[in-house]
Amino acid sequence: MAAPRFDVLGIGNAIVDVIARTDDDFLVAQNMQKGGMALIDEARATAIYEAMGPAVEISGGSAANTIAGVASFGARAAFVGKVKDDGLGRIFRHDISRAGVSFSTAPAKDGPSTARCYIMVTPDGERTMNTYLGAAQNLHPSDIVEADIADAAITYLEGYLWDPKDAKEAFLKAATIAHGAKRMVSLTLSDAFCVDRYRAEFLQLLRDGVVDLLFANEAELKSLYETADFDTAVTALRADAKLAAVTRSEKGCVVVSRDKMQAVSAHAVDRVVDTTGAGDLFAAGFLTAVARGRDHVAAGQLGGLAAAEVIQHLGARPETSLQALAAESGLAV
């Protein structure tokens, strides 16, 4: 098989993050579930923006953050997602292109505005998200370019794509193309509330072999198997998944396959500022390592390195070269 043009191609919601520091009282007053992600309409988006404090705008979106991280490791990265041809859409396109990511999805000329996610960061670093999907939910199967998917070692998909009908169909089309080209398909569960909405379908994707590599955090995994016990959830996961990486915050991660389970310690950090991109950047490191043929422990270490970098500053994308950081840490890929 010819060497792929891309190490990782991500498909997800193209979103601009609007990030503000706040406190628990604000979350209660706004009826927000701390640590969760709620889908909102444009009217609610406007109301939140008017109520929140000073904010910064940073291009985001779960899979897009991951792919920006992949590029920061020096890997070949591409992204597929829908924006509108408006101010926020142009910001998104500029930012992801500047990060070294190939992004060629045509923008929408009319319809809803570019998606944005209002992220409230409390003093403990926890993030609470309210997302207006806007143009992102208009990602269509026709936006999936077969040649690009077939030429990516790994196609990485976010669980949030399961919300809009057309995006779900785009997800399945991409997975079919990838497997037809004998490439790998990866899924991130996105958040526990997303899992609650689509538990049966996500489990079926695993059991049918549509997903080769699963990413989840501890809460998402417990939600997937409807249990409060982590060990019970991992045992069930081993029966369903070919390969999975489960993050556990300061406990590091567990890499699970059908024949074994390997724990990888977390990287020490001086302070936690914002956990928004922790899972996204962990996936970036892990995917890069897998695409480059590294073993699963090395993949977990590289994921932990990227997660440690991103939680020490505001925003969900790296502020330093992850390639250089990996080299300094003896984890070059």
Protein backbone atom coordinates (compact mmCIF):
# COMPACT_ATOMS: atom_id res chain seq x y z
CA MET A 1 0.00 0.00 0.00
CA ALA A 2 1.27 3.47 -0.91
CA ALA A 3 2.24 5.78 1.94
CA PRO A 4 -0.74 7.99 2.88
CA ARG A 5 -0.78 11.69 2.07
CA PHE A 6 -2.16 12.46 5.55
CA ASP A 7 -1.31 10.86 8.87
CA VAL A 8 -4.66 11.88 10.34
CA LEU A 9 -7.77 13.42 8.79
CA GLY A 10 -10.38 14.70 11.24
CA ILE A 11 -14.06 15.31 10.59
CA GLY A 12 -16.08 17.37 13.03
CA ASN A 13 -17.92 20.53 13.91
CA ALA A 14 -16.05 23.67 12.82
CA ILE A 15 -16.57 25.96 15.81
CA VAL A 16 -15.15 29.19 17.18
CA ASP A 17 -14.77 29.03 20.97
CA VAL A 18 -15.79 32.07 23.01
CA ILE A 19 -14.07 31.56 26.37
CA ALA A 20 -14.73 33.43 29.61
CA ARG A 21 -13.74 32.94 33.23
CA THR A 22 -16.70 32.63 35.59
CA ASP A 23 -17.80 30.99 38.85
CA ASP A 24 -20.25 28.32 39.97
CA ASP A 25 -22.88 30.92 40.86
CA PHE A 26 -23.02 32.06 37.23
CA LEU A 27 -23.54 28.46 36.09
CA VAL A 28 -26.40 28.01 38.55
CA ALA A 29 -27.99 31.33 37.55
CA GLN A 30 -27.80 30.33 33.87
CA ASN A 31 -29.09 26.80 34.57
CA MET A 32 -25.92 25.20 33.17
CA GLN A 33 -24.76 21.68 34.03
CA LYS A 34 -21.18 22.08 35.23
CA GLY A 35 -18.72 20.19 33.06
CA GLY A 36 -21.26 19.38 30.38
CA MET A 37 -22.04 20.46 26.83
CA ALA A 38 -25.50 21.73 25.90
CA LEU A 39 -26.76 22.39 22.40
CA ILE A 40 -28.45 25.79 22.17
CA ASP A 41 -30.32 27.85 19.59
CA GLU A 42 -29.30 31.27 18.32
CA ALA A 43 -31.54 33.14 20.78
CA ARG A 44 -29.98 31.34 23.75
CA ALA A 45 -26.51 31.95 22.27
CA THR A 46 -27.21 35.68 22.18
CA ALA A 47 -28.52 35.67 25.77
CA ILE A 48 -25.44 33.86 27.10
CA TYR A 49 -23.08 36.19 25.26
CA GLU A 50 -24.81 39.22 26.77
CA ALA A 51 -24.64 37.73 30.29
CA MET A 52 -21.07 36.42 30.29
CA GLY A 53 -18.01 38.44 31.23
CA PRO A 54 -15.06 39.45 29.05
CA ALA A 55 -14.20 36.71 26.59
CA VAL A 56 -11.59 35.66 24.05
CA GLU A 57 -12.41 34.10 20.68
CA ILE A 58 -10.29 31.12 19.64
CA SER A 59 -11.00 28.69 16.82
CA GLY A 60 -12.05 25.36 18.29
CA GLY A 61 -14.24 22.33 17.80
CA SER A 62 -13.22 18.98 19.28
CA ALA A 63 -11.86 17.22 16.18
CA ALA A 64 -10.41 20.48 14.83
CA ASN A 65 -8.47 20.96 18.08
CA THR A 66 -7.15 17.41 17.80
CA ILE A 67 -6.08 17.91 14.20
CA ALA A 68 -4.33 21.19 15.05
CA GLY A 69 -2.45 19.19 17.69
CA VAL A 70 -1.52 16.51 15.17
CA ALA A 71 -0.06 19.22 12.92
CA SER A 72 1.85 20.69 15.88
CA PHE A 73 3.59 17.32 16.25
CA GLY A 74 4.84 17.75 12.69
CA ALA A 75 2.45 15.15 11.29
CA ARG A 76 0.47 15.57 8.08
CA ALA A 77 -3.04 16.66 9.01
CA ALA A 78 -6.34 17.50 7.30
CA PHE A 79 -9.75 18.63 8.54
CA VAL A 80 -13.27 18.46 7.13
CA GLY A 81 -15.94 20.71 8.64
CA LYS A 82 -18.50 23.33 7.63
CA VAL A 83 -18.35 27.07 8.27
CA LYS A 84 -20.29 29.93 6.72
CA ASP A 85 -18.56 32.56 4.61
CA ASP A 86 -18.79 35.11 7.45
CA GLY A 87 -16.48 36.75 9.96
CA LEU A 88 -16.21 33.81 12.35
CA GLY A 89 -15.91 31.40 9.43
CA ARG A 90 -12.96 33.32 8.06
CA ILE A 91 -11.34 33.35 11.51
CA PHE A 92 -11.74 29.57 11.72
CA ARG A 93 -10.28 28.99 8.24
CA HIS A 94 -7.34 31.31 8.90
CA ASP A 95 -6.50 29.74 12.27
CA ILE A 96 -6.60 26.10 11.19
CA SER A 97 -4.67 26.80 8.00
CA ARG A 98 -2.03 28.71 9.95
CA ALA A 99 -1.70 25.68 12.23
CA GLY A 100 -0.51 23.67 9.23
CA VAL A 101 -3.74 21.79 8.57
CA SER A 102 -5.16 21.16 5.09
CA PHE A 103 -8.74 22.53 5.13
CA SER A 104 -10.58 22.62 1.81
CA THR A 105 -14.27 22.19 2.73
CA ALA A 106 -16.28 24.79 0.79
CA PRO A 107 -17.97 27.38 3.07
CA ALA A 108 -21.74 27.85 3.05
CA LYS A 109 -22.84 30.99 1.21
CA ASP A 110 -26.18 31.29 3.02
CA GLY A 111 -28.08 29.77 5.94
CA PRO A 112 -27.03 29.73 9.62
CA SER A 113 -23.93 31.58 10.80
CA THR A 114 -20.68 29.84 11.74
CA ALA A 115 -20.92 27.72 14.88
CA ARG A 116 -19.65 28.98 18.21
CA CYS A 117 -19.21 27.43 21.62
CA TYR A 118 -19.50 29.53 24.77
CA ILE A 119 -17.07 28.04 27.28
CA MET A 120 -17.32 29.00 30.94
CA VAL A 121 -14.12 28.22 32.87
CA THR A 122 -14.47 28.06 36.65
CA PRO A 123 -11.55 28.60 39.09
CA ASP A 124 -10.96 24.82 39.31
CA GLY A 125 -10.24 24.74 35.55
CA GLU A 126 -13.46 22.87 34.74
CA ARG A 127 -15.18 23.93 31.53
CA THR A 128 -18.90 24.12 30.84
CA MET A 129 -19.89 24.43 27.21
CA ASN A 130 -22.95 25.77 25.40
CA THR A 131 -22.79 25.20 21.66
CA TYR A 132 -24.72 26.82 18.82
CA LEU A 133 -24.02 24.50 15.88
CA GLY A 134 -25.16 26.89 13.17
CA ALA A 135 -23.45 26.15 9.85
CA ALA A 136 -21.53 23.19 11.31
CA GLN A 137 -24.67 21.06 11.33
CA ASN A 138 -24.93 21.50 7.56
CA LEU A 139 -21.93 19.27 6.92
CA HIS A 140 -23.19 16.99 4.14
CA PRO A 141 -22.04 13.67 2.70
CA SER A 142 -21.11 15.59 -0.45
CA ASP A 143 -18.44 17.39 1.61
CA ILE A 144 -16.62 14.08 2.08
CA VAL A 145 -13.95 13.79 -0.62
CA GLU A 146 -13.21 10.12 -1.25
CA ALA A 147 -9.63 10.67 -2.41
CA ASP A 148 -8.76 12.53 0.81
CA ILE A 149 -10.26 9.90 3.13
CA ALA A 150 -8.62 7.06 1.23
CA ASP A 151 -5.27 8.84 1.49
CA ALA A 152 -5.32 9.26 5.29
CA ALA A 153 -3.76 6.66 7.59
CA ILE A 154 -6.43 7.41 10.20
CA THR A 155 -9.82 9.08 9.81
CA TYR A 156 -10.83 10.61 13.14
CA LEU A 157 -14.50 11.32 13.85
CA GLU A 158 -16.19 13.08 16.75
CA GLY A 159 -19.31 11.76 18.46
CA TYR A 160 -20.94 15.17 18.17
CA LEU A 161 -21.40 14.43 14.44
CA TRP A 162 -24.22 12.11 15.46
CA ASP A 163 -26.47 15.08 16.32
CA PRO A 164 -27.28 16.44 12.81
CA LYS A 165 -28.71 13.88 10.33
CA ASP A 166 -26.56 14.93 7.35
CA ALA A 167 -23.38 14.97 9.44
CA LYS A 168 -24.17 11.47 10.69
CA GLU A 169 -24.44 10.29 7.09
CA ALA A 170 -21.15 12.03 6.29
CA PHE A 171 -19.58 10.17 9.25
CA LEU A 172 -20.73 6.79 7.94
CA LYS A 173 -19.67 7.59 4.38
CA ALA A 174 -16.17 8.51 5.55
CA ALA A 175 -15.85 5.34 7.64
CA THR A 176 -16.91 3.18 4.68
CA ILE A 177 -14.37 4.86 2.38
CA ALA A 178 -11.58 4.53 4.94
CA HIS A 179 -12.14 0.83 5.48
CA GLY A 180 -12.46 0.29 1.74
CA ALA A 181 -8.96 1.74 1.43
CA LYS A 182 -7.76 -0.46 4.35
CA ARG A 183 -7.27 2.57 6.58
CA MET A 184 -8.11 3.02 10.26
CA VAL A 185 -11.24 4.70 11.68
CA SER A 186 -11.19 6.38 15.08
CA LEU A 187 -14.03 7.84 17.17
CA THR A 188 -14.06 10.10 20.20
CA LEU A 189 -17.21 9.84 22.33
CA SER A 190 -17.11 13.65 22.82
CA ASP A 191 -18.93 13.90 26.18
CA ALA A 192 -21.08 11.86 28.57
CA PHE A 193 -24.26 13.66 27.52
CA CYS A 194 -23.55 12.81 23.87
CA VAL A 195 -23.14 9.19 24.95
CA ASP A 196 -26.48 9.34 26.78
CA ARG A 197 -28.15 10.44 23.55
CA TYR A 198 -26.60 7.79 21.30
CA ARG A 199 -25.43 4.96 23.56
CA ALA A 200 -26.94 2.09 21.57
CA GLU A 201 -25.65 3.42 18.26
CA PHE A 202 -22.12 4.03 19.55
CA LEU A 203 -21.98 0.51 20.99
CA GLN A 204 -23.15 -0.88 17.66
CA LEU A 205 -20.38 1.01 15.85
CA LEU A 206 -17.85 -0.71 18.11
CA ARG A 207 -19.39 -4.16 17.88
CA ASP A 208 -19.78 -3.98 14.10
CA GLY A 209 -16.12 -3.03 13.67
CA VAL A 210 -16.88 0.40 12.21
CA VAL A 211 -14.56 1.93 14.83
CA ASP A 212 -11.00 0.63 15.11
CA LEU A 213 -9.78 3.04 17.82
CA LEU A 214 -12.00 4.60 20.48
CA PHE A 215 -11.24 7.59 22.69
CA ALA A 216 -13.20 8.22 25.89
CA ASN A 217 -12.72 9.74 29.30
CA GLU A 218 -13.76 7.95 32.47
CA ALA A 219 -17.18 9.62 32.67
CA GLU A 220 -17.96 8.85 29.03
CA LEU A 221 -16.95 5.22 29.41
CA LYS A 222 -19.11 4.76 32.51
CA SER A 223 -22.01 6.38 30.67
CA LEU A 224 -21.49 4.08 27.68
CA TYR A 225 -21.88 0.99 29.85
CA GLU A 226 -24.30 2.54 32.38
CA THR A 227 -22.17 1.72 35.40
CA ALA A 228 -20.55 3.71 38.20
CA ASP A 229 -17.66 1.24 38.42
CA PHE A 230 -14.65 1.89 36.19
CA ASP A 231 -13.35 -1.69 36.23
CA THR A 232 -16.75 -3.02 35.17
CA ALA A 233 -16.82 -0.56 32.28
CA VAL A 234 -13.29 -1.49 31.16
CA THR A 235 -14.13 -5.20 31.22
CA ALA A 236 -17.12 -4.55 28.97
CA LEU A 237 -15.03 -2.33 26.70
CA ARG A 238 -12.42 -5.06 26.17
CA ALA A 239 -15.14 -7.30 24.73
CA ASP A 240 -16.38 -4.61 22.33
CA ALA A 241 -13.40 -2.53 21.18
CA LYS A 242 -10.40 -3.45 19.03
CA LEU A 243 -8.40 -0.68 20.70
CA ALA A 244 -9.36 2.11 23.09
CA ALA A 245 -7.64 4.85 25.05
CA VAL A 246 -9.45 5.96 28.20
CA THR A 247 -8.26 9.13 29.93
CA ARG A 248 -8.52 9.51 33.72
CA SER A 249 -7.36 13.10 34.35
CA GLU A 250 -4.48 13.16 36.85
CA LYS A 251 -4.45 9.33 36.91
CA GLY A 252 -3.22 9.25 33.32
CA CYS A 253 -4.81 6.86 30.86
CA VAL A 254 -5.57 3.22 30.26
CA VAL A 255 -4.98 1.65 26.85
CA VAL A 256 -7.38 -1.22 26.31
CA SER A 257 -7.31 -3.98 23.71
CA ARG A 258 -8.88 -7.41 23.61
CA ASP A 259 -5.75 -9.13 24.91
CA LYS A 260 -4.42 -6.64 27.47
CA MET A 261 -4.79 -3.41 29.42
CA GLN A 262 -1.90 -0.98 29.95
CA ALA A 263 -1.87 1.98 32.35
CA VAL A 264 0.14 5.08 31.45
CA SER A 265 0.90 7.76 34.05
CA ALA A 266 -0.06 11.40 33.54
CA HIS A 267 2.56 14.10 33.03
CA ALA A 268 3.05 16.43 35.99
CA VAL A 269 1.90 20.03 35.54
CA ASP A 270 2.63 23.18 37.53
CA ARG A 271 -0.97 24.36 37.51
CA VAL A 272 -4.27 23.68 35.76
CA VAL A 273 -5.71 26.74 34.02
CA ASP A 274 -8.28 25.37 31.58
CA THR A 275 -9.16 21.72 30.87
CA THR A 276 -11.09 22.54 27.68
CA GLY A 277 -8.71 20.82 25.27
CA ALA A 278 -7.30 18.04 27.45
CA GLY A 279 -9.10 15.16 25.75
CA ASP A 280 -8.71 16.66 22.29
CA LEU A 281 -4.95 17.07 22.63
CA PHE A 282 -4.52 13.67 24.25
CA ALA A 283 -6.09 12.22 21.12
CA ALA A 284 -3.70 14.29 18.98
CA GLY A 285 -0.66 12.71 20.59
CA PHE A 286 -2.08 9.21 20.60
CA LEU A 287 -3.20 9.38 16.96
CA THR A 288 0.15 10.78 15.82
CA ALA A 289 2.00 7.97 17.54
CA VAL A 290 -0.27 5.27 16.09
CA ALA A 291 -0.04 6.77 12.59
CA ARG A 292 3.75 6.74 12.90
CA GLY A 293 3.82 3.11 14.05
CA ARG A 294 4.65 3.64 17.74
CA ASP A 295 3.48 1.20 20.41
CA HIS A 296 0.45 1.86 22.60
CA VAL A 297 2.39 2.90 25.70
CA ALA A 298 4.36 5.46 23.68
CA ALA A 299 1.06 6.66 22.22
CA GLY A 300 -0.37 7.14 25.70
CA GLN A 301 2.74 9.02 26.79
CA LEU A 302 2.60 11.32 23.78
CA GLY A 303 -1.10 11.95 24.39
CA GLY A 304 -0.41 12.79 28.02
CA LEU A 305 2.36 15.19 27.01
CA ALA A 306 0.02 17.12 24.71
CA ALA A 307 -2.78 17.19 27.29
CA ALA A 308 -0.39 18.51 29.93
CA GLU A 309 0.66 21.37 27.65
CA VAL A 310 -2.86 22.50 26.78
CA ILE A 311 -4.34 22.51 30.30
CA GLN A 312 -1.74 25.03 31.49
CA HIS A 313 -3.16 27.89 29.42
CA LEU A 314 -6.49 29.24 28.21
CA GLY A 315 -7.79 27.70 25.02
CA ALA A 316 -7.87 24.26 23.47
CA ARG A 317 -4.96 24.44 21.04
CA PRO A 318 -1.23 24.19 21.80
CA GLU A 319 0.74 27.38 22.34
CA THR A 320 4.11 25.75 21.77
CA SER A 321 5.45 23.28 19.21
CA LEU A 322 4.42 19.81 20.34
CA GLN A 323 7.05 18.36 18.03
CA ALA A 324 9.77 20.25 19.91
CA LEU A 325 8.21 19.41 23.28
CA ALA A 326 8.14 15.72 22.39
CA ALA A 327 11.79 15.80 21.31
CA GLU A 328 12.79 17.50 24.57
CA SER A 329 10.91 14.82 26.52
CA GLY A 330 12.48 11.90 24.67
CA LEU A 331 9.24 11.11 22.85
CA ALA A 332 10.08 12.26 19.33
CA VAL A 333 7.85 10.90 16.55
